Amino acid sequence: MKILFVLTSHDKLGDTGEKTGFWIEEFAAPYYYLADKGVEITLASPKGGQPPIDPSSDKPENQTEATKRFHNDKDLKEKLSKTFKLSDVKEKDFDAIFYPGGHGPLWDLSNDQDSIHLIQSFYENNKPTGLVCHAPAALKNVKTTDGAYLVKGKKVTGFTNSEEEAVELTNVVPFLVEDMLKENGGVYSKANDWQSYSVQDGNLITGQNPASSEEVAEKLFNLLKN
C-alpha cells in the first residue's frame, strides 16, 4: 500500500511579515497512523526539499502525542527535508493521496498545476484523496472531465469561517476555505469549532481542522483495505 503525502512549499503569511507552512499535527498524526500499519509513504511538495513548518503549530498548546513523536524522530525529519518535487511524482505509482493543512496551501497548492492534475488523476482512477483543515484549498481549481468543479454536489468540509476568525486571519488569507467550497458547489457541513469532524463522499475525504487529521487518515486507510 503506497500513499503520496503532498505538503505546501509556501512560507509567507500574506503581508503580515510572519511565517506559515504546514501544520505539524496534520502531517504527523496521519503519517504515524498509516506508517504504523505498514503503509509506504512518499513525501512531495511543489518546490521539493524541506517544506516550511508553520511556527504556530510548534507552540506548546498545539503539541500532541504525534507532534512529540515527530520531534524525536530523526529519520522522519531527514525524510521530510528531502521531499520530491510534485512535478516528478505520478499518480500511477500510488494507491491514494493525502494533503496535510496549515495556511500554506491557500497560496500555493490552490493554484499549483501539478497538484491540480494529480488530484484529477487520482479522482478519475478511483483512488482515495484525503485533505484536512486548510488543505481542501487544493481543490479550489480542480475540475472533472466535464468541466465542473470536482467538489460540486459532493459532501465536503474544511476549516470553518469561525475558526479562521478565531485565529484572526480572516483578512489575511487569500480566500476562506468554507466559502470557496460552497461557491464551487460543495455540500459543506461542519461540527463545532475545533471538534474532530470529517466527511467522506466516495473516494473524497475531507477533515475540518487539526483535530480531524487522524480521522481522515483512518477513513483513507479503510477505503484502501476494502
C-alpha atoms as a PDB file:
ATOM      1  CA  MET A   1       0.000   0.000   0.000  1.00  0.00           C
ATOM      2  CA  LYS A   2       1.557   3.280  -1.138  1.00  0.00           C
ATOM      3  CA  ILE A   3       0.317   6.770  -0.263  1.00  0.00           C
ATOM      4  CA  LEU A   4       1.598  10.118  -1.509  1.00  0.00           C
ATOM      5  CA  PHE A   5       1.631  12.992   1.018  1.00  0.00           C
ATOM      6  CA  VAL A   6       1.612  16.461  -0.575  1.00  0.00           C
ATOM      7  CA  LEU A   7       2.915  19.354   1.522  1.00  0.00           C
ATOM      8  CA  THR A   8       2.968  23.092   0.886  1.00  0.00           C
ATOM      9  CA  SER A   9       6.136  24.973  -0.102  1.00  0.00           C
ATOM     10  CA  HIS A  10       4.683  28.385   0.827  1.00  0.00           C
ATOM     11  CA  ASP A  11       6.059  30.079   3.950  1.00  0.00           C
ATOM     12  CA  LYS A  12       4.745  33.673   3.930  1.00  0.00           C
ATOM     13  CA  LEU A  13       1.579  34.540   5.868  1.00  0.00           C
ATOM     14  CA  GLY A  14       0.216  37.121   3.438  1.00  0.00           C
ATOM     15  CA  ASP A  15       1.636  40.592   4.054  1.00  0.00           C
ATOM     16  CA  THR A  16       1.985  40.147   7.813  1.00  0.00           C
ATOM     17  CA  GLY A  17       5.733  39.507   7.723  1.00  0.00           C
ATOM     18  CA  GLU A  18       5.066  36.303   9.651  1.00  0.00           C
ATOM     19  CA  LYS A  19       5.783  32.748   8.565  1.00  0.00           C
ATOM     20  CA  THR A  20       3.410  29.922   7.724  1.00  0.00           C
ATOM     21  CA  GLY A  21       3.678  26.472   6.144  1.00  0.00           C
ATOM     22  CA  PHE A  22       2.197  23.083   7.019  1.00  0.00           C
ATOM     23  CA  TRP A  23       0.708  22.206  10.418  1.00  0.00           C
ATOM     24  CA  ILE A  24       2.796  19.587  12.222  1.00  0.00           C
ATOM     25  CA  GLU A  25      -0.139  17.723  13.825  1.00  0.00           C
ATOM     26  CA  GLU A  26      -1.898  17.372  10.467  1.00  0.00           C
ATOM     27  CA  PHE A  27       1.215  15.792   8.998  1.00  0.00           C
ATOM     28  CA  ALA A  28       2.481  13.748  11.944  1.00  0.00           C
ATOM     29  CA  ALA A  29      -0.778  12.168  13.176  1.00  0.00           C
ATOM     30  CA  PRO A  30      -1.834  10.783   9.752  1.00  0.00           C
ATOM     31  CA  TYR A  31       1.755   9.832   8.914  1.00  0.00           C
ATOM     32  CA  TYR A  32       2.207   7.699  12.026  1.00  0.00           C
ATOM     33  CA  TYR A  33      -1.305   6.265  11.857  1.00  0.00           C
ATOM     34  CA  LEU A  34      -0.605   4.972   8.348  1.00  0.00           C
ATOM     35  CA  ALA A  35       3.086   4.124   8.721  1.00  0.00           C
ATOM     36  CA  ASP A  36       2.373   2.041  11.833  1.00  0.00           C
ATOM     37  CA  LYS A  37       0.028  -0.052   9.677  1.00  0.00           C
ATOM     38  CA  GLY A  38       2.792  -0.749   7.179  1.00  0.00           C
ATOM     39  CA  VAL A  39       1.803   1.846   4.590  1.00  0.00           C
ATOM     40  CA  GLU A  40       4.668   3.091   2.415  1.00  0.00           C
ATOM     41  CA  ILE A  41       4.562   6.916   2.386  1.00  0.00           C
ATOM     42  CA  THR A  42       6.241   9.213  -0.124  1.00  0.00           C
ATOM     43  CA  LEU A  43       6.508  12.961   0.591  1.00  0.00           C
ATOM     44  CA  ALA A  44       6.285  15.630  -2.103  1.00  0.00           C
ATOM     45  CA  SER A  45       5.904  19.411  -2.341  1.00  0.00           C
ATOM     46  CA  PRO A  46       5.796  21.944  -5.198  1.00  0.00           C
ATOM     47  CA  LYS A  47       9.432  23.003  -4.754  1.00  0.00           C
ATOM     48  CA  GLY A  48      10.793  19.763  -3.300  1.00  0.00           C
ATOM     49  CA  GLY A  49      13.227  19.688  -0.385  1.00  0.00           C
ATOM     50  CA  GLN A  50      12.270  20.894   3.088  1.00  0.00           C
ATOM     51  CA  PRO A  51       8.693  22.157   3.278  1.00  0.00           C
ATOM     52  CA  PRO A  52       8.150  25.044   5.726  1.00  0.00           C
ATOM     53  CA  ILE A  53       6.636  24.261   9.125  1.00  0.00           C
ATOM     54  CA  ASP A  54       4.048  26.707  10.460  1.00  0.00           C
ATOM     55  CA  PRO A  55       5.675  28.120  13.645  1.00  0.00           C
ATOM     56  CA  SER A  56       2.259  28.322  15.336  1.00  0.00           C
ATOM     57  CA  SER A  57       1.887  24.553  15.058  1.00  0.00           C
ATOM     58  CA  ASP A  58       5.013  24.194  17.187  1.00  0.00           C
ATOM     59  CA  LYS A  59       3.652  26.175  20.149  1.00  0.00           C
ATOM     60  CA  PRO A  60       3.293  24.281  23.456  1.00  0.00           C
ATOM     61  CA  GLU A  61      -0.514  24.426  23.373  1.00  0.00           C
ATOM     62  CA  ASN A  62      -0.546  22.682  19.974  1.00  0.00           C
ATOM     63  CA  GLN A  63       1.583  19.700  20.968  1.00  0.00           C
ATOM     64  CA  THR A  64       0.085  16.209  20.763  1.00  0.00           C
ATOM     65  CA  GLU A  65       1.475  12.694  21.111  1.00  0.00           C
ATOM     66  CA  ALA A  66       2.101  12.681  17.355  1.00  0.00           C
ATOM     67  CA  THR A  67       3.986  16.010  17.336  1.00  0.00           C
ATOM     68  CA  LYS A  68       6.121  14.900  20.275  1.00  0.00           C
ATOM     69  CA  ARG A  69       6.940  11.688  18.428  1.00  0.00           C
ATOM     70  CA  PHE A  70       7.845  13.718  15.341  1.00  0.00           C
ATOM     71  CA  HIS A  71      10.244  15.931  17.306  1.00  0.00           C
ATOM     72  CA  ASN A  72      12.165  12.850  18.403  1.00  0.00           C
ATOM     73  CA  ASP A  73      12.087  11.144  15.014  1.00  0.00           C
ATOM     74  CA  LYS A  74      15.381  11.820  13.239  1.00  0.00           C
ATOM     75  CA  ASP A  75      14.550   9.507  10.343  1.00  0.00           C
ATOM     76  CA  LEU A  76      11.269  11.236   9.524  1.00  0.00           C
ATOM     77  CA  LYS A  77      12.836  14.683   9.826  1.00  0.00           C
ATOM     78  CA  GLU A  78      15.533  13.571   7.394  1.00  0.00           C
ATOM     79  CA  LYS A  79      12.891  12.213   5.002  1.00  0.00           C
ATOM     80  CA  LEU A  80      10.901  15.447   5.313  1.00  0.00           C
ATOM     81  CA  SER A  81      13.949  17.525   4.384  1.00  0.00           C
ATOM     82  CA  LYS A  82      14.117  15.740   1.030  1.00  0.00           C
ATOM     83  CA  THR A  83      10.559  15.820  -0.322  1.00  0.00           C
ATOM     84  CA  PHE A  84      10.199  15.034  -4.014  1.00  0.00           C
ATOM     85  CA  LYS A  85       9.115  17.745  -6.419  1.00  0.00           C
ATOM     86  CA  LEU A  86       5.430  17.443  -7.273  1.00  0.00           C
ATOM     87  CA  SER A  87       6.312  17.581 -10.954  1.00  0.00           C
ATOM     88  CA  ASP A  88       8.341  14.375 -10.531  1.00  0.00           C
ATOM     89  CA  VAL A  89       5.634  12.168  -8.979  1.00  0.00           C
ATOM     90  CA  LYS A  90       3.000  10.197 -10.868  1.00  0.00           C
ATOM     91  CA  GLU A  91      -0.463   9.054  -9.823  1.00  0.00           C
ATOM     92  CA  LYS A  92       0.126   5.534 -11.233  1.00  0.00           C
ATOM     93  CA  ASP A  93       2.775   4.879  -8.573  1.00  0.00           C
ATOM     94  CA  PHE A  94       0.389   5.326  -5.619  1.00  0.00           C
ATOM     95  CA  ASP A  95      -2.850   3.952  -4.195  1.00  0.00           C
ATOM     96  CA  ALA A  96      -4.013   7.192  -2.544  1.00  0.00           C
ATOM     97  CA  ILE A  97      -3.045  10.816  -1.939  1.00  0.00           C
ATOM     98  CA  PHE A  98      -3.179  12.863   1.272  1.00  0.00           C
ATOM     99  CA  TYR A  99      -2.849  16.608   1.915  1.00  0.00           C
ATOM    100  CA  PRO A 100      -1.977  17.957   5.387  1.00  0.00           C
ATOM    101  CA  GLY A 101      -3.119  21.519   6.063  1.00  0.00           C
ATOM    102  CA  GLY A 102      -1.664  24.654   7.554  1.00  0.00           C
ATOM    103  CA  HIS A 103      -2.238  28.031   5.902  1.00  0.00           C
ATOM    104  CA  GLY A 104       0.439  27.484   3.234  1.00  0.00           C
ATOM    105  CA  PRO A 105      -1.800  25.541   0.792  1.00  0.00           C
ATOM    106  CA  LEU A 106      -4.102  28.553   0.438  1.00  0.00           C
ATOM    107  CA  TRP A 107      -1.364  30.298  -1.507  1.00  0.00           C
ATOM    108  CA  ASP A 108       0.422  27.591  -3.469  1.00  0.00           C
ATOM    109  CA  LEU A 109      -1.490  24.305  -3.698  1.00  0.00           C
ATOM    110  CA  SER A 110      -4.750  26.039  -4.608  1.00  0.00           C
ATOM    111  CA  ASN A 111      -3.163  27.146  -7.898  1.00  0.00           C
ATOM    112  CA  ASP A 112      -0.409  24.581  -8.453  1.00  0.00           C
ATOM    113  CA  GLN A 113      -0.970  22.874 -11.806  1.00  0.00           C
ATOM    114  CA  ASP A 114       0.932  19.715 -10.822  1.00  0.00           C
ATOM    115  CA  SER A 115      -1.237  19.341  -7.733  1.00  0.00           C
ATOM    116  CA  ILE A 116      -4.430  20.039  -9.683  1.00  0.00           C
ATOM    117  CA  HIS A 117      -3.546  17.406 -12.299  1.00  0.00           C
ATOM    118  CA  LEU A 118      -2.598  14.873  -9.623  1.00  0.00           C
ATOM    119  CA  ILE A 119      -5.931  15.232  -7.814  1.00  0.00           C
ATOM    120  CA  GLN A 120      -7.786  14.970 -11.121  1.00  0.00           C
ATOM    121  CA  SER A 121      -5.843  11.834 -11.994  1.00  0.00           C
ATOM    122  CA  PHE A 122      -6.421  10.172  -8.602  1.00  0.00           C
ATOM    123  CA  TYR A 123     -10.128  11.004  -8.846  1.00  0.00           C
ATOM    124  CA  GLU A 124     -10.520   9.707 -12.400  1.00  0.00           C
ATOM    125  CA  ASN A 125      -8.774   6.469 -11.442  1.00  0.00           C
ATOM    126  CA  ASN A 126     -10.994   5.941  -8.396  1.00  0.00           C
ATOM    127  CA  LYS A 127      -8.164   6.349  -5.910  1.00  0.00           C
ATOM    128  CA  PRO A 128      -8.837   7.914  -2.479  1.00  0.00           C
ATOM    129  CA  THR A 129      -7.948  11.557  -1.848  1.00  0.00           C
ATOM    130  CA  GLY A 130      -7.767  12.922   1.704  1.00  0.00           C
ATOM    131  CA  LEU A 131      -7.394  16.580   2.678  1.00  0.00           C
ATOM    132  CA  VAL A 132      -7.532  18.125   6.135  1.00  0.00           C
ATOM    133  CA  CYS A 133      -8.153  21.606   7.587  1.00  0.00           C
ATOM    134  CA  HIS A 134      -6.840  24.214   5.082  1.00  0.00           C
ATOM    135  CA  ALA A 135      -5.698  21.546   2.616  1.00  0.00           C
ATOM    136  CA  PRO A 136      -9.118  21.396   0.864  1.00  0.00           C
ATOM    137  CA  ALA A 137      -7.861  24.692  -0.589  1.00  0.00           C
ATOM    138  CA  ALA A 138      -6.043  22.406  -3.047  1.00  0.00           C
ATOM    139  CA  LEU A 139      -9.470  21.525  -4.503  1.00  0.00           C
ATOM    140  CA  LYS A 140     -10.213  25.148  -5.457  1.00  0.00           C
ATOM    141  CA  ASN A 141      -9.337  24.853  -9.139  1.00  0.00           C
ATOM    142  CA  VAL A 142      -9.764  21.114  -9.633  1.00  0.00           C
ATOM    143  CA  LYS A 143     -12.371  20.178 -12.221  1.00  0.00           C
ATOM    144  CA  THR A 144     -13.700  16.916 -13.594  1.00  0.00           C
ATOM    145  CA  THR A 145     -13.545  15.909 -17.258  1.00  0.00           C
ATOM    146  CA  ASP A 146     -16.931  17.551 -17.868  1.00  0.00           C
ATOM    147  CA  GLY A 147     -15.586  20.920 -16.703  1.00  0.00           C
ATOM    148  CA  ALA A 148     -17.478  21.076 -13.394  1.00  0.00           C
ATOM    149  CA  TYR A 149     -15.717  21.719 -10.108  1.00  0.00           C
ATOM    150  CA  LEU A 150     -14.696  18.449  -8.503  1.00  0.00           C
ATOM    151  CA  VAL A 151     -16.468  19.324  -5.244  1.00  0.00           C
ATOM    152  CA  LYS A 152     -19.756  20.188  -6.962  1.00  0.00           C
ATOM    153  CA  GLY A 153     -22.559  18.167  -5.378  1.00  0.00           C
ATOM    154  CA  LYS A 154     -20.135  16.358  -3.055  1.00  0.00           C
ATOM    155  CA  LYS A 155     -20.195  16.284   0.732  1.00  0.00           C
ATOM    156  CA  VAL A 156     -17.161  18.218   1.978  1.00  0.00           C
ATOM    157  CA  THR A 157     -15.786  20.020   4.996  1.00  0.00           C
ATOM    158  CA  GLY A 158     -12.727  22.138   5.791  1.00  0.00           C
ATOM    159  CA  PHE A 159     -11.518  24.899   8.099  1.00  0.00           C
ATOM    160  CA  THR A 160     -14.569  26.960   9.078  1.00  0.00           C
ATOM    161  CA  ASN A 161     -15.024  30.696   8.736  1.00  0.00           C
ATOM    162  CA  SER A 162     -15.463  30.913  12.518  1.00  0.00           C
ATOM    163  CA  GLU A 163     -12.224  29.004  13.136  1.00  0.00           C
ATOM    164  CA  GLU A 164     -10.416  31.389  10.768  1.00  0.00           C
ATOM    165  CA  GLU A 165     -11.932  34.294  12.680  1.00  0.00           C
ATOM    166  CA  ALA A 166     -10.775  32.762  15.967  1.00  0.00           C
ATOM    167  CA  VAL A 167      -7.153  32.729  14.777  1.00  0.00           C
ATOM    168  CA  GLU A 168      -7.627  36.308  13.494  1.00  0.00           C
ATOM    169  CA  LEU A 169      -6.578  35.602   9.916  1.00  0.00           C
ATOM    170  CA  THR A 170      -9.862  36.226   8.082  1.00  0.00           C
ATOM    171  CA  ASN A 171      -8.458  39.383   6.475  1.00  0.00           C
ATOM    172  CA  VAL A 172      -5.020  37.880   5.803  1.00  0.00           C
ATOM    173  CA  VAL A 173      -5.850  34.720   3.851  1.00  0.00           C
ATOM    174  CA  PRO A 174      -6.469  34.933   0.068  1.00  0.00           C
ATOM    175  CA  PHE A 175      -9.819  33.144   0.494  1.00  0.00           C
ATOM    176  CA  LEU A 176     -11.837  31.295   3.124  1.00  0.00           C
ATOM    177  CA  VAL A 177     -11.964  27.512   2.732  1.00  0.00           C
ATOM    178  CA  GLU A 178     -15.603  27.241   3.822  1.00  0.00           C
ATOM    179  CA  ASP A 179     -16.732  29.948   1.394  1.00  0.00           C
ATOM    180  CA  MET A 180     -14.735  28.509  -1.515  1.00  0.00           C
ATOM    181  CA  LEU A 181     -16.120  25.006  -1.062  1.00  0.00           C
ATOM    182  CA  LYS A 182     -19.666  26.372  -1.015  1.00  0.00           C
ATOM    183  CA  GLU A 183     -19.087  28.664  -4.010  1.00  0.00           C
ATOM    184  CA  ASN A 184     -17.745  25.705  -6.001  1.00  0.00           C
ATOM    185  CA  GLY A 185     -20.945  23.776  -5.310  1.00  0.00           C
ATOM    186  CA  GLY A 186     -19.766  21.569  -2.469  1.00  0.00           C
ATOM    187  CA  VAL A 187     -22.313  20.298   0.041  1.00  0.00           C
ATOM    188  CA  TYR A 188     -20.471  21.784   3.010  1.00  0.00           C
ATOM    189  CA  SER A 189     -21.042  20.725   6.610  1.00  0.00           C
ATOM    190  CA  LYS A 190     -19.179  21.265   9.866  1.00  0.00           C
ATOM    191  CA  ALA A 191     -19.092  20.426  13.568  1.00  0.00           C
ATOM    192  CA  ASN A 192     -18.420  22.866  16.402  1.00  0.00           C
ATOM    193  CA  ASP A 193     -15.130  24.737  16.142  1.00  0.00           C
ATOM    194  CA  TRP A 194     -12.051  22.642  16.934  1.00  0.00           C
ATOM    195  CA  GLN A 195     -14.029  19.380  17.197  1.00  0.00           C
ATOM    196  CA  SER A 196     -12.895  16.373  15.177  1.00  0.00           C
ATOM    197  CA  TYR A 197     -15.087  16.127  12.084  1.00  0.00           C
ATOM    198  CA  SER A 198     -14.570  14.506   8.697  1.00  0.00           C
ATOM    199  CA  VAL A 199     -16.755  13.752   5.694  1.00  0.00           C
ATOM    200  CA  GLN A 200     -16.467  11.033   3.088  1.00  0.00           C
ATOM    201  CA  ASP A 201     -18.102  11.163  -0.322  1.00  0.00           C
ATOM    202  CA  GLY A 202     -16.983   8.242  -2.434  1.00  0.00           C
ATOM    203  CA  ASN A 203     -13.185   8.432  -2.646  1.00  0.00           C
ATOM    204  CA  LEU A 204     -13.031  12.060  -1.443  1.00  0.00           C
ATOM    205  CA  ILE A 205     -12.375  12.537   2.282  1.00  0.00           C
ATOM    206  CA  THR A 206     -12.111  15.958   3.932  1.00  0.00           C
ATOM    207  CA  GLY A 207     -11.452  16.971   7.547  1.00  0.00           C
ATOM    208  CA  GLN A 208     -12.388  20.204   9.289  1.00  0.00           C
ATOM    209  CA  ASN A 209      -9.367  21.081  11.435  1.00  0.00           C
ATOM    210  CA  PRO A 210      -6.183  19.723  13.083  1.00  0.00           C
ATOM    211  CA  ALA A 211      -8.217  17.519  15.441  1.00  0.00           C
ATOM    212  CA  SER A 212      -9.678  15.748  12.392  1.00  0.00           C
ATOM    213  CA  SER A 213      -6.398  14.709  10.793  1.00  0.00           C
ATOM    214  CA  GLU A 214      -6.122  11.168  12.125  1.00  0.00           C
ATOM    215  CA  GLU A 215      -9.820  10.546  11.414  1.00  0.00           C
ATOM    216  CA  VAL A 216      -9.218  11.406   7.750  1.00  0.00           C
ATOM    217  CA  ALA A 217      -6.222   9.041   7.642  1.00  0.00           C
ATOM    218  CA  GLU A 218      -8.336   6.292   9.192  1.00  0.00           C
ATOM    219  CA  LYS A 219     -11.070   6.682   6.554  1.00  0.00           C
ATOM    220  CA  LEU A 220      -8.429   6.738   3.824  1.00  0.00           C
ATOM    221  CA  PHE A 221      -6.894   3.509   5.142  1.00  0.00           C
ATOM    222  CA  ASN A 222     -10.290   1.807   5.438  1.00  0.00           C
ATOM    223  CA  LEU A 223     -11.062   2.658   1.799  1.00  0.00           C
ATOM    224  CA  LEU A 224      -7.795   1.074   0.695  1.00  0.00           C
ATOM    225  CA  LYS A 225      -8.375  -2.010   2.822  1.00  0.00           C
ATOM    226  CA  ASN A 226     -11.729  -2.786   1.227  1.00  0.00           C
END
